[in-house]
Amino acid sequence: MSDSLMIDAAATRWSAGARDGLPLLVMLHGYGADEHDLFGLVPHLPGGIAVASVAAPLTPPWPAPGRSWYAIEGLNGRDPESVTHAGQAFLAWLDAAAADASSVALLGFSQGAAVALQALRLAPERFGAVVALSGYASPGELPHDAALQELRPSVFWGRGTHDDVIPAPLVDHTAQWLPDHSDLVGRVYPGLTHSISEDELLDVRVFLEKWRDAAGD
């Protein structure tokens, strides 16, 4: 099934300028958005990095706009296996598009955050850091979870107190799972809904500056 998910590399939006050898931040948008959605965050990110924003491989059911990484409605909504298939498709894109990056970090929003964390679980050695905004870690076990507990990669998990989009059981699972499998920076923003705030962006910038500087060592 994972072979049927293909990311359109031509739709990827890249930051301007040379990127060979630079640390690469890859953005994974949320449900119903597209590769343009998170690109507006680029001015708020650290300098000295390349940025790619990827278009998810699926189209949501009509009349929803944009793209999706996996279904969130119906009997198989948020199915962990579907999240894994999306993560595998993303890794295939990464193999083809970003072989020259000195270090790779991920920034995902909502279901894009879930896919970013799943990609980290599938290939923990590939990533220097993950930013997961308004998302969750998918339940279930994967073969490299034990390795994550040893590697403890850097993960930023931000969410709002008024975010009612991600089901509470998934938030609770993530709050228990991430501290055991990462070097976690967790932030909860009072009053924030299913969105990204200026305060959160400031925290993300600091987090990514540390990743960028470590990648240059």
N, C-alpha and C. Protein backbone atom coordinates (compact mmCIF):
# COMPACT_ATOMS: atom_id res chain seq x y z
N MET A 1 0.83 -1.21 0.00
CA MET A 1 0.00 0.00 0.00
C MET A 1 0.86 1.25 0.00
N SER A 2 2.03 1.22 0.71
CA SER A 2 2.87 2.40 0.77
C SER A 2 3.38 2.77 -0.61
N ASP A 3 3.55 1.76 -1.51
CA ASP A 3 4.04 2.05 -2.84
C ASP A 3 3.05 2.89 -3.64
N SER A 4 1.77 2.87 -3.26
CA SER A 4 0.77 3.61 -4.00
C SER A 4 0.76 5.09 -3.63
N LEU A 5 1.43 5.46 -2.55
CA LEU A 5 1.51 6.86 -2.15
C LEU A 5 2.76 7.47 -2.76
N MET A 6 2.55 8.44 -3.62
CA MET A 6 3.66 9.09 -4.30
C MET A 6 3.57 10.60 -4.07
N ILE A 7 4.65 11.17 -3.56
CA ILE A 7 4.71 12.62 -3.38
C ILE A 7 5.19 13.26 -4.67
N ASP A 8 4.49 14.27 -5.12
CA ASP A 8 4.85 14.98 -6.35
C ASP A 8 6.02 15.92 -6.06
N ALA A 9 7.22 15.50 -6.44
CA ALA A 9 8.40 16.30 -6.16
C ALA A 9 8.34 17.66 -6.85
N ALA A 10 7.67 17.72 -8.00
CA ALA A 10 7.57 18.98 -8.74
C ALA A 10 6.75 20.02 -7.98
N ALA A 11 5.90 19.57 -7.06
CA ALA A 11 5.07 20.50 -6.30
C ALA A 11 5.79 21.05 -5.07
N THR A 12 6.93 20.49 -4.73
CA THR A 12 7.66 20.96 -3.55
C THR A 12 8.09 22.42 -3.74
N ARG A 13 7.89 23.20 -2.71
CA ARG A 13 8.29 24.61 -2.75
C ARG A 13 9.59 24.76 -1.96
N TRP A 14 10.59 25.35 -2.61
CA TRP A 14 11.92 25.50 -2.03
C TRP A 14 12.23 26.96 -1.74
N SER A 15 13.02 27.18 -0.69
CA SER A 15 13.50 28.53 -0.42
C SER A 15 14.48 28.96 -1.50
N ALA A 16 14.63 30.27 -1.66
CA ALA A 16 15.49 30.81 -2.70
C ALA A 16 16.96 30.64 -2.34
N GLY A 17 17.80 30.62 -3.37
CA GLY A 17 19.23 30.58 -3.15
C GLY A 17 19.79 29.18 -3.15
N ALA A 18 21.13 29.11 -3.07
CA ALA A 18 21.82 27.82 -3.05
C ALA A 18 21.47 27.07 -1.77
N ARG A 19 21.36 25.75 -1.87
CA ARG A 19 21.03 24.96 -0.70
C ARG A 19 21.95 23.76 -0.49
N ASP A 20 22.84 23.48 -1.43
CA ASP A 20 23.73 22.34 -1.29
C ASP A 20 24.60 22.50 -0.05
N GLY A 21 24.60 21.47 0.77
CA GLY A 21 25.43 21.47 1.97
C GLY A 21 24.84 22.18 3.16
N LEU A 22 23.72 22.90 2.98
CA LEU A 22 23.09 23.59 4.11
C LEU A 22 22.20 22.63 4.90
N PRO A 23 22.02 22.90 6.19
CA PRO A 23 20.98 22.18 6.92
C PRO A 23 19.62 22.41 6.25
N LEU A 24 18.81 21.37 6.17
CA LEU A 24 17.53 21.45 5.47
C LEU A 24 16.38 21.26 6.44
N LEU A 25 15.46 22.20 6.44
CA LEU A 25 14.21 22.07 7.18
C LEU A 25 13.10 21.74 6.19
N VAL A 26 12.40 20.63 6.42
CA VAL A 26 11.30 20.21 5.55
C VAL A 26 9.98 20.43 6.29
N MET A 27 9.04 21.11 5.63
CA MET A 27 7.74 21.41 6.21
C MET A 27 6.69 20.44 5.70
N LEU A 28 5.85 19.94 6.60
CA LEU A 28 4.76 19.04 6.26
C LEU A 28 3.46 19.68 6.74
N HIS A 29 2.63 20.08 5.79
CA HIS A 29 1.42 20.83 6.10
C HIS A 29 0.33 19.95 6.71
N GLY A 30 -0.74 20.59 7.14
CA GLY A 30 -1.86 19.89 7.73
C GLY A 30 -2.94 19.51 6.73
N TYR A 31 -3.99 18.89 7.22
CA TYR A 31 -5.10 18.40 6.40
C TYR A 31 -5.80 19.56 5.69
N GLY A 32 -6.01 19.41 4.39
CA GLY A 32 -6.72 20.42 3.62
C GLY A 32 -5.89 21.61 3.20
N ALA A 33 -4.60 21.59 3.54
CA ALA A 33 -3.69 22.66 3.11
C ALA A 33 -2.85 22.15 1.94
N ASP A 34 -1.76 22.86 1.65
CA ASP A 34 -0.87 22.42 0.58
C ASP A 34 0.53 22.93 0.85
N GLU A 35 1.41 22.78 -0.14
CA GLU A 35 2.81 23.14 0.06
C GLU A 35 3.03 24.63 0.28
N HIS A 36 2.03 25.46 -0.01
CA HIS A 36 2.17 26.90 0.19
C HIS A 36 1.82 27.33 1.61
N ASP A 37 1.11 26.50 2.33
CA ASP A 37 0.51 26.90 3.60
C ASP A 37 1.55 27.31 4.64
N LEU A 38 2.53 26.48 4.90
CA LEU A 38 3.51 26.76 5.94
C LEU A 38 4.66 27.63 5.44
N PHE A 39 4.72 27.87 4.13
CA PHE A 39 5.86 28.60 3.59
C PHE A 39 5.90 30.04 4.08
N GLY A 40 4.77 30.55 4.50
CA GLY A 40 4.75 31.90 5.07
C GLY A 40 5.51 32.02 6.38
N LEU A 41 5.89 30.89 6.98
CA LEU A 41 6.66 30.92 8.22
C LEU A 41 8.14 31.19 7.98
N VAL A 42 8.59 31.09 6.73
CA VAL A 42 10.03 31.18 6.44
C VAL A 42 10.67 32.44 7.02
N PRO A 43 10.04 33.63 6.93
CA PRO A 43 10.69 34.82 7.51
C PRO A 43 10.89 34.74 9.02
N HIS A 44 10.16 33.85 9.69
CA HIS A 44 10.27 33.71 11.14
C HIS A 44 11.29 32.65 11.54
N LEU A 45 11.93 32.00 10.57
CA LEU A 45 12.85 30.90 10.84
C LEU A 45 14.29 31.41 10.83
N PRO A 46 15.21 30.63 11.38
CA PRO A 46 16.61 31.06 11.38
C PRO A 46 17.18 31.19 9.97
N GLY A 47 18.18 32.02 9.81
CA GLY A 47 18.91 32.08 8.56
C GLY A 47 19.91 30.94 8.49
N GLY A 48 20.55 30.82 7.34
CA GLY A 48 21.58 29.81 7.19
C GLY A 48 21.07 28.41 7.01
N ILE A 49 19.80 28.26 6.60
CA ILE A 49 19.23 26.94 6.33
C ILE A 49 18.49 26.98 5.00
N ALA A 50 18.31 25.82 4.42
CA ALA A 50 17.41 25.66 3.28
C ALA A 50 16.06 25.16 3.79
N VAL A 51 15.01 25.51 3.07
CA VAL A 51 13.65 25.11 3.46
C VAL A 51 12.94 24.50 2.27
N ALA A 52 12.28 23.38 2.51
CA ALA A 52 11.42 22.75 1.50
C ALA A 52 10.06 22.52 2.13
N SER A 53 9.01 22.83 1.39
CA SER A 53 7.65 22.58 1.84
C SER A 53 7.00 21.59 0.87
N VAL A 54 6.59 20.44 1.40
CA VAL A 54 6.18 19.30 0.58
C VAL A 54 4.66 19.24 0.48
N ALA A 55 4.16 18.87 -0.69
CA ALA A 55 2.73 18.65 -0.89
C ALA A 55 2.38 17.20 -0.55
N ALA A 56 1.41 17.01 0.33
CA ALA A 56 0.98 15.66 0.71
C ALA A 56 0.45 14.90 -0.50
N PRO A 57 0.46 13.57 -0.45
CA PRO A 57 0.15 12.78 -1.65
C PRO A 57 -1.33 12.56 -1.95
N LEU A 58 -2.23 12.89 -1.03
CA LEU A 58 -3.64 12.56 -1.21
C LEU A 58 -4.50 13.81 -1.36
N THR A 59 -5.69 13.61 -1.94
CA THR A 59 -6.70 14.67 -2.03
C THR A 59 -7.84 14.34 -1.07
N PRO A 60 -8.19 15.25 -0.17
CA PRO A 60 -9.31 14.96 0.74
C PRO A 60 -10.61 14.79 -0.03
N PRO A 61 -11.60 14.14 0.59
CA PRO A 61 -12.90 14.00 -0.07
C PRO A 61 -13.51 15.37 -0.39
N TRP A 62 -14.14 15.46 -1.56
CA TRP A 62 -14.83 16.68 -1.95
C TRP A 62 -15.88 17.02 -0.91
N PRO A 63 -16.06 18.29 -0.54
CA PRO A 63 -15.50 19.50 -1.15
C PRO A 63 -14.29 20.07 -0.42
N ALA A 64 -13.63 19.26 0.41
CA ALA A 64 -12.48 19.78 1.15
C ALA A 64 -11.37 20.19 0.17
N PRO A 65 -10.70 21.30 0.43
CA PRO A 65 -9.64 21.77 -0.47
C PRO A 65 -8.31 21.10 -0.13
N GLY A 66 -7.30 21.43 -0.91
CA GLY A 66 -5.93 21.10 -0.56
C GLY A 66 -5.58 19.63 -0.66
N ARG A 67 -4.65 19.22 0.21
CA ARG A 67 -4.08 17.88 0.19
C ARG A 67 -4.18 17.27 1.59
N SER A 68 -3.92 15.97 1.67
CA SER A 68 -3.88 15.30 2.98
C SER A 68 -2.83 14.19 2.95
N TRP A 69 -2.34 13.87 4.12
CA TRP A 69 -1.37 12.78 4.27
C TRP A 69 -2.05 11.44 4.49
N TYR A 70 -3.21 11.48 5.13
CA TYR A 70 -3.98 10.26 5.41
C TYR A 70 -5.40 10.68 5.77
N ALA A 71 -6.32 9.73 5.75
CA ALA A 71 -7.71 10.03 6.04
C ALA A 71 -7.90 10.34 7.52
N ILE A 72 -8.76 11.30 7.82
CA ILE A 72 -9.09 11.57 9.22
C ILE A 72 -10.56 11.29 9.53
N GLU A 73 -11.32 10.90 8.52
CA GLU A 73 -12.73 10.59 8.71
C GLU A 73 -12.97 9.11 8.39
N GLY A 74 -14.10 8.58 8.86
CA GLY A 74 -14.49 7.22 8.52
C GLY A 74 -13.86 6.18 9.43
N LEU A 75 -14.07 4.91 9.07
CA LEU A 75 -13.63 3.80 9.91
C LEU A 75 -12.11 3.76 10.07
N ASN A 76 -11.39 4.23 9.06
CA ASN A 76 -9.93 4.18 9.10
C ASN A 76 -9.30 5.55 9.36
N GLY A 77 -10.09 6.48 9.88
CA GLY A 77 -9.56 7.80 10.17
C GLY A 77 -8.45 7.75 11.21
N ARG A 78 -7.35 8.41 10.91
CA ARG A 78 -6.17 8.46 11.78
C ARG A 78 -5.61 7.06 12.08
N ASP A 79 -5.81 6.12 11.17
CA ASP A 79 -5.29 4.78 11.35
C ASP A 79 -3.76 4.82 11.41
N PRO A 80 -3.12 4.25 12.45
CA PRO A 80 -1.66 4.31 12.55
C PRO A 80 -0.95 3.74 11.33
N GLU A 81 -1.52 2.70 10.71
CA GLU A 81 -0.87 2.14 9.53
C GLU A 81 -0.86 3.14 8.38
N SER A 82 -1.93 3.92 8.25
CA SER A 82 -1.97 4.94 7.21
C SER A 82 -0.95 6.05 7.48
N VAL A 83 -0.75 6.38 8.75
CA VAL A 83 0.27 7.36 9.10
C VAL A 83 1.66 6.83 8.73
N THR A 84 1.87 5.53 8.97
CA THR A 84 3.14 4.90 8.60
C THR A 84 3.35 4.93 7.10
N HIS A 85 2.31 4.63 6.31
CA HIS A 85 2.43 4.67 4.85
C HIS A 85 2.81 6.08 4.39
N ALA A 86 2.22 7.09 5.01
CA ALA A 86 2.56 8.47 4.66
C ALA A 86 4.01 8.77 5.01
N GLY A 87 4.46 8.27 6.16
CA GLY A 87 5.85 8.47 6.54
C GLY A 87 6.81 7.80 5.58
N GLN A 88 6.45 6.62 5.10
CA GLN A 88 7.30 5.91 4.13
C GLN A 88 7.36 6.67 2.81
N ALA A 89 6.22 7.21 2.37
CA ALA A 89 6.21 8.00 1.14
C ALA A 89 7.08 9.24 1.29
N PHE A 90 7.02 9.86 2.46
CA PHE A 90 7.85 11.03 2.69
C PHE A 90 9.34 10.67 2.65
N LEU A 91 9.71 9.55 3.25
CA LEU A 91 11.11 9.13 3.25
C LEU A 91 11.60 8.87 1.83
N ALA A 92 10.73 8.32 0.98
CA ALA A 92 11.11 8.12 -0.43
C ALA A 92 11.36 9.46 -1.11
N TRP A 93 10.52 10.46 -0.83
CA TRP A 93 10.77 11.80 -1.37
C TRP A 93 12.10 12.34 -0.88
N LEU A 94 12.38 12.16 0.40
CA LEU A 94 13.61 12.67 0.99
C LEU A 94 14.83 12.03 0.35
N ASP A 95 14.77 10.73 0.10
CA ASP A 95 15.89 10.03 -0.55
C ASP A 95 16.21 10.65 -1.90
N ALA A 96 15.17 11.02 -2.64
CA ALA A 96 15.36 11.54 -4.00
C ALA A 96 15.71 13.02 -4.03
N ALA A 97 15.22 13.79 -3.05
CA ALA A 97 15.28 15.24 -3.16
C ALA A 97 16.32 15.91 -2.28
N ALA A 98 16.80 15.23 -1.27
CA ALA A 98 17.59 15.94 -0.26
C ALA A 98 18.82 15.18 0.18
N ALA A 99 19.47 14.52 -0.76
CA ALA A 99 20.62 13.70 -0.40
C ALA A 99 21.82 14.54 0.02
N ASP A 100 21.89 15.81 -0.39
CA ASP A 100 23.07 16.64 -0.13
C ASP A 100 22.96 17.48 1.14
N ALA A 101 21.86 17.40 1.86
CA ALA A 101 21.70 18.23 3.05
C ALA A 101 22.66 17.77 4.15
N SER A 102 23.27 18.74 4.85
CA SER A 102 24.18 18.38 5.92
C SER A 102 23.45 17.83 7.13
N SER A 103 22.23 18.26 7.33
CA SER A 103 21.38 17.75 8.41
C SER A 103 19.94 18.06 8.02
N VAL A 104 19.01 17.22 8.43
CA VAL A 104 17.60 17.41 8.08
C VAL A 104 16.77 17.52 9.35
N ALA A 105 15.93 18.54 9.42
CA ALA A 105 14.93 18.68 10.47
C ALA A 105 13.56 18.76 9.81
N LEU A 106 12.54 18.43 10.58
CA LEU A 106 11.17 18.44 10.08
C LEU A 106 10.34 19.41 10.91
N LEU A 107 9.42 20.09 10.23
CA LEU A 107 8.43 20.92 10.91
C LEU A 107 7.07 20.55 10.34
N GLY A 108 6.25 19.93 11.18
CA GLY A 108 4.93 19.51 10.74
C GLY A 108 3.84 20.15 11.57
N PHE A 109 2.72 20.44 10.91
CA PHE A 109 1.55 20.98 11.60
C PHE A 109 0.40 19.99 11.50
N SER A 110 -0.26 19.71 12.62
CA SER A 110 -1.43 18.84 12.69
C SER A 110 -1.10 17.45 12.15
N GLN A 111 -1.77 16.97 11.11
CA GLN A 111 -1.43 15.63 10.63
C GLN A 111 -0.04 15.61 10.01
N GLY A 112 0.46 16.75 9.54
CA GLY A 112 1.84 16.82 9.10
C GLY A 112 2.81 16.57 10.24
N ALA A 113 2.45 17.00 11.45
CA ALA A 113 3.27 16.72 12.63
C ALA A 113 3.26 15.23 12.95
N ALA A 114 2.10 14.60 12.81
CA ALA A 114 2.02 13.16 13.05
C ALA A 114 2.90 12.40 12.07
N VAL A 115 2.90 12.81 10.80
CA VAL A 115 3.74 12.15 9.79
C VAL A 115 5.21 12.43 10.07
N ALA A 116 5.55 13.64 10.49
CA ALA A 116 6.94 13.96 10.82
C ALA A 116 7.45 13.06 11.94
N LEU A 117 6.64 12.87 12.98
CA LEU A 117 7.06 12.00 14.07
C LEU A 117 7.13 10.55 13.63
N GLN A 118 6.23 10.14 12.73
CA GLN A 118 6.26 8.76 12.23
C GLN A 118 7.50 8.53 11.37
N ALA A 119 7.87 9.53 10.56
CA ALA A 119 9.10 9.41 9.77
C ALA A 119 10.31 9.30 10.67
N LEU A 120 10.33 10.07 11.75
CA LEU A 120 11.41 9.95 12.73
C LEU A 120 11.49 8.55 13.31
N ARG A 121 10.34 7.95 13.59
CA ARG A 121 10.31 6.59 14.14
C ARG A 121 10.77 5.56 13.12
N LEU A 122 10.48 5.80 11.84
CA LEU A 122 10.86 4.87 10.79
C LEU A 122 12.36 4.94 10.48
N ALA A 123 12.94 6.13 10.61
CA ALA A 123 14.35 6.32 10.25
C ALA A 123 14.99 7.33 11.20
N PRO A 124 15.18 6.95 12.45
CA PRO A 124 15.63 7.93 13.45
C PRO A 124 17.00 8.53 13.17
N GLU A 125 17.81 7.80 12.40
CA GLU A 125 19.16 8.31 12.11
C GLU A 125 19.15 9.41 11.05
N ARG A 126 18.03 9.63 10.39
CA ARG A 126 17.96 10.59 9.28
C ARG A 126 17.78 12.03 9.74
N PHE A 127 17.35 12.26 10.96
CA PHE A 127 16.87 13.58 11.33
C PHE A 127 17.60 14.14 12.54
N GLY A 128 17.93 15.45 12.42
CA GLY A 128 18.57 16.13 13.53
C GLY A 128 17.59 16.68 14.55
N ALA A 129 16.36 16.95 14.12
CA ALA A 129 15.36 17.51 15.02
C ALA A 129 14.00 17.45 14.35
N VAL A 130 12.94 17.48 15.16
CA VAL A 130 11.56 17.52 14.66
C VAL A 130 10.78 18.56 15.46
N VAL A 131 10.04 19.40 14.73
CA VAL A 131 9.10 20.34 15.33
C VAL A 131 7.70 19.83 15.02
N ALA A 132 6.94 19.50 16.04
CA ALA A 132 5.58 18.98 15.88
C ALA A 132 4.61 19.99 16.50
N LEU A 133 3.84 20.66 15.65
CA LEU A 133 2.93 21.71 16.10
C LEU A 133 1.49 21.22 15.96
N SER A 134 0.74 21.29 17.06
CA SER A 134 -0.68 20.91 17.07
C SER A 134 -0.89 19.52 16.49
N GLY A 135 0.01 18.61 16.79
CA GLY A 135 -0.07 17.25 16.27
C GLY A 135 0.08 16.21 17.37
N TYR A 136 0.43 15.01 16.97
CA TYR A 136 0.47 13.90 17.93
C TYR A 136 1.38 12.80 17.43
N ALA A 137 1.78 11.94 18.35
CA ALA A 137 2.51 10.72 18.01
C ALA A 137 1.51 9.59 17.85
N SER A 138 1.58 8.89 16.74
CA SER A 138 0.61 7.84 16.45
C SER A 138 0.78 6.66 17.42
N PRO A 139 -0.31 6.08 17.90
CA PRO A 139 -0.21 4.92 18.79
C PRO A 139 0.37 3.70 18.08
N GLY A 140 0.74 2.71 18.87
CA GLY A 140 1.30 1.48 18.33
C GLY A 140 2.81 1.48 18.41
N GLU A 141 3.39 0.33 18.10
CA GLU A 141 4.83 0.18 18.16
C GLU A 141 5.42 0.04 16.77
N LEU A 142 6.64 0.57 16.60
CA LEU A 142 7.40 0.43 15.37
C LEU A 142 8.78 -0.13 15.71
N PRO A 143 9.44 -0.77 14.73
CA PRO A 143 10.67 -1.50 15.04
C PRO A 143 11.80 -0.66 15.64
N HIS A 144 11.86 0.64 15.32
CA HIS A 144 12.98 1.45 15.78
C HIS A 144 12.65 2.27 17.03
N ASP A 145 11.52 1.99 17.67
CA ASP A 145 11.16 2.76 18.86
C ASP A 145 12.19 2.59 19.97
N ALA A 146 12.73 1.39 20.11
CA ALA A 146 13.76 1.17 21.13
C ALA A 146 15.01 1.98 20.83
N ALA A 147 15.36 2.09 19.54
CA ALA A 147 16.52 2.91 19.16
C ALA A 147 16.28 4.38 19.50
N LEU A 148 15.05 4.84 19.33
CA LEU A 148 14.73 6.23 19.68
C LEU A 148 14.96 6.48 21.17
N GLN A 149 14.62 5.50 21.99
CA GLN A 149 14.83 5.66 23.42
C GLN A 149 16.31 5.82 23.76
N GLU A 150 17.17 5.25 22.93
CA GLU A 150 18.62 5.39 23.13
C GLU A 150 19.13 6.70 22.51
N LEU A 151 18.67 7.01 21.29
CA LEU A 151 19.16 8.20 20.59
C LEU A 151 18.63 9.49 21.18
N ARG A 152 17.38 9.48 21.60
CA ARG A 152 16.70 10.64 22.17
C ARG A 152 16.89 11.89 21.30
N PRO A 153 16.36 11.86 20.08
CA PRO A 153 16.48 13.02 19.19
C PRO A 153 15.71 14.22 19.74
N SER A 154 16.11 15.40 19.30
CA SER A 154 15.48 16.63 19.77
C SER A 154 14.11 16.81 19.12
N VAL A 155 13.07 16.98 19.94
CA VAL A 155 11.71 17.19 19.45
C VAL A 155 11.10 18.37 20.18
N PHE A 156 10.51 19.28 19.40
CA PHE A 156 9.70 20.36 19.96
C PHE A 156 8.24 20.01 19.71
N TRP A 157 7.45 19.96 20.77
CA TRP A 157 6.01 19.69 20.64
C TRP A 157 5.26 20.87 21.23
N GLY A 158 4.56 21.61 20.38
CA GLY A 158 3.77 22.75 20.82
C GLY A 158 2.30 22.55 20.54
N ARG A 159 1.47 22.97 21.46
CA ARG A 159 0.01 22.86 21.27
C ARG A 159 -0.68 23.94 22.11
N GLY A 160 -1.95 24.18 21.79
CA GLY A 160 -2.72 25.18 22.51
C GLY A 160 -3.71 24.57 23.49
N THR A 161 -4.02 25.31 24.53
CA THR A 161 -4.98 24.82 25.51
C THR A 161 -6.39 24.73 24.94
N HIS A 162 -6.67 25.48 23.86
CA HIS A 162 -8.01 25.50 23.29
C HIS A 162 -8.07 24.79 21.94
N ASP A 163 -7.11 23.90 21.70
CA ASP A 163 -7.12 23.09 20.48
C ASP A 163 -8.03 21.90 20.69
N ASP A 164 -9.18 21.91 20.01
CA ASP A 164 -10.13 20.80 20.15
C ASP A 164 -10.18 19.93 18.90
N VAL A 165 -9.16 20.04 18.02
CA VAL A 165 -9.14 19.26 16.79
C VAL A 165 -8.51 17.88 17.02
N ILE A 166 -7.39 17.84 17.73
CA ILE A 166 -6.74 16.57 18.03
C ILE A 166 -7.44 15.92 19.21
N PRO A 167 -7.94 14.68 19.05
CA PRO A 167 -8.67 14.03 20.15
C PRO A 167 -7.83 13.92 21.42
N ALA A 168 -8.47 14.11 22.55
CA ALA A 168 -7.77 14.10 23.83
C ALA A 168 -6.98 12.82 24.08
N PRO A 169 -7.50 11.63 23.72
CA PRO A 169 -6.69 10.43 23.95
C PRO A 169 -5.35 10.45 23.19
N LEU A 170 -5.32 11.04 21.99
CA LEU A 170 -4.07 11.13 21.24
C LEU A 170 -3.12 12.14 21.89
N VAL A 171 -3.66 13.23 22.41
CA VAL A 171 -2.82 14.18 23.14
C VAL A 171 -2.22 13.52 24.37
N ASP A 172 -3.04 12.78 25.10
CA ASP A 172 -2.56 12.10 26.32
C ASP A 172 -1.49 11.08 25.97
N HIS A 173 -1.72 10.32 24.91
CA HIS A 173 -0.72 9.34 24.48
C HIS A 173 0.61 10.02 24.15
N THR A 174 0.54 11.13 23.41
CA THR A 174 1.74 11.84 23.00
C THR A 174 2.49 12.39 24.21
N ALA A 175 1.74 12.90 25.18
CA ALA A 175 2.36 13.46 26.39
C ALA A 175 3.11 12.39 27.18
N GLN A 176 2.71 11.14 27.05
CA GLN A 176 3.41 10.04 27.72
C GLN A 176 4.53 9.47 26.85
N TRP A 177 4.30 9.43 25.54
CA TRP A 177 5.24 8.75 24.64
C TRP A 177 6.48 9.58 24.35
N LEU A 178 6.31 10.87 24.07
CA LEU A 178 7.45 11.69 23.64
C LEU A 178 8.56 11.80 24.70
N PRO A 179 8.24 12.00 25.97
CA PRO A 179 9.34 12.10 26.93
C PRO A 179 10.19 10.84 27.03
N ASP A 180 9.62 9.69 26.69
CA ASP A 180 10.36 8.43 26.74
C ASP A 180 11.17 8.16 25.48
N HIS A 181 10.91 8.89 24.41
CA HIS A 181 11.53 8.58 23.12
C HIS A 181 12.25 9.77 22.49
N SER A 182 12.43 10.86 23.22
CA SER A 182 13.07 12.03 22.64
C SER A 182 13.64 12.91 23.73
N ASP A 183 14.47 13.85 23.30
CA ASP A 183 14.88 14.97 24.15
C ASP A 183 13.85 16.07 23.89
N LEU A 184 12.83 16.09 24.72
CA LEU A 184 11.61 16.85 24.43
C LEU A 184 11.67 18.26 24.97
N VAL A 185 11.28 19.21 24.09
CA VAL A 185 10.93 20.56 24.51
C VAL A 185 9.43 20.68 24.28
N GLY A 186 8.66 20.70 25.35
CA GLY A 186 7.21 20.76 25.24
C GLY A 186 6.68 22.12 25.69
N ARG A 187 5.77 22.66 24.92
CA ARG A 187 5.17 23.94 25.25
C ARG A 187 3.65 23.87 25.06
N VAL A 188 2.92 24.41 26.03
CA VAL A 188 1.47 24.52 25.94
C VAL A 188 1.13 26.01 26.03
N TYR A 189 0.40 26.52 25.03
CA TYR A 189 0.16 27.96 24.91
C TYR A 189 -1.28 28.28 25.33
N PRO A 190 -1.44 29.06 26.40
CA PRO A 190 -2.78 29.39 26.88
C PRO A 190 -3.61 30.12 25.83
N GLY A 191 -4.84 29.64 25.64
CA GLY A 191 -5.78 30.29 24.73
C GLY A 191 -5.59 29.96 23.27
N LEU A 192 -4.51 29.28 22.92
CA LEU A 192 -4.25 28.99 21.51
C LEU A 192 -5.16 27.87 21.02
N THR A 193 -5.74 28.07 19.84
CA THR A 193 -6.59 27.05 19.22
C THR A 193 -5.72 26.17 18.31
N HIS A 194 -6.32 25.57 17.30
CA HIS A 194 -5.58 24.71 16.36
C HIS A 194 -4.87 25.60 15.35
N SER A 195 -3.82 26.25 15.81
CA SER A 195 -3.12 27.24 15.00
C SER A 195 -1.73 27.46 15.56
N ILE A 196 -1.02 28.44 15.01
CA ILE A 196 0.35 28.75 15.43
C ILE A 196 0.38 30.21 15.87
N SER A 197 0.94 30.46 17.04
CA SER A 197 0.99 31.82 17.57
C SER A 197 2.38 32.43 17.41
N GLU A 198 2.47 33.75 17.62
CA GLU A 198 3.77 34.43 17.56
C GLU A 198 4.70 33.92 18.65
N ASP A 199 4.17 33.69 19.84
CA ASP A 199 5.00 33.16 20.93
C ASP A 199 5.56 31.79 20.56
N GLU A 200 4.73 30.97 19.94
CA GLU A 200 5.19 29.64 19.54
C GLU A 200 6.29 29.75 18.48
N LEU A 201 6.12 30.66 17.53
CA LEU A 201 7.13 30.84 16.49
C LEU A 201 8.47 31.29 17.08
N LEU A 202 8.43 32.12 18.09
CA LEU A 202 9.67 32.52 18.74
C LEU A 202 10.37 31.33 19.38
N ASP A 203 9.59 30.47 20.02
CA ASP A 203 10.17 29.28 20.64
C ASP A 203 10.71 28.32 19.58
N VAL A 204 9.98 28.19 18.47
CA VAL A 204 10.44 27.32 17.39
C VAL A 204 11.75 27.83 16.81
N ARG A 205 11.85 29.14 16.64
CA ARG A 205 13.08 29.72 16.09
C ARG A 205 14.29 29.39 16.97
N VAL A 206 14.13 29.57 18.27
CA VAL A 206 15.23 29.25 19.20
C VAL A 206 15.60 27.77 19.10
N PHE A 207 14.59 26.91 19.05
CA PHE A 207 14.83 25.47 18.95
C PHE A 207 15.59 25.14 17.67
N LEU A 208 15.18 25.72 16.55
CA LEU A 208 15.81 25.42 15.27
C LEU A 208 17.20 26.06 15.16
N GLU A 209 17.42 27.17 15.83
CA GLU A 209 18.76 27.74 15.84
C GLU A 209 19.75 26.78 16.49
N LYS A 210 19.33 26.10 17.54
CA LYS A 210 20.20 25.12 18.20
C LYS A 210 20.49 23.95 17.26
N TRP A 211 19.46 23.50 16.52
CA TRP A 211 19.69 22.43 15.54
C TRP A 211 20.66 22.88 14.45
N ARG A 212 20.43 24.09 13.91
CA ARG A 212 21.30 24.61 12.86
C ARG A 212 22.75 24.71 13.34
N ASP A 213 22.93 25.24 14.53
CA ASP A 213 24.30 25.42 15.03
C ASP A 213 24.98 24.08 15.28
N ALA A 214 24.22 23.10 15.78
CA ALA A 214 24.79 21.77 16.00
C ALA A 214 25.14 21.11 14.67
N ALA A 215 24.34 21.36 13.63
CA ALA A 215 24.61 20.77 12.31
C ALA A 215 25.88 21.32 11.72
N GLY A 216 26.27 22.54 12.11
CA GLY A 216 27.48 23.15 11.57
C GLY A 216 28.74 22.77 12.31
N ASP A 217 28.60 22.08 13.43
CA ASP A 217 29.78 21.68 14.21
C ASP A 217 30.57 20.57 13.52
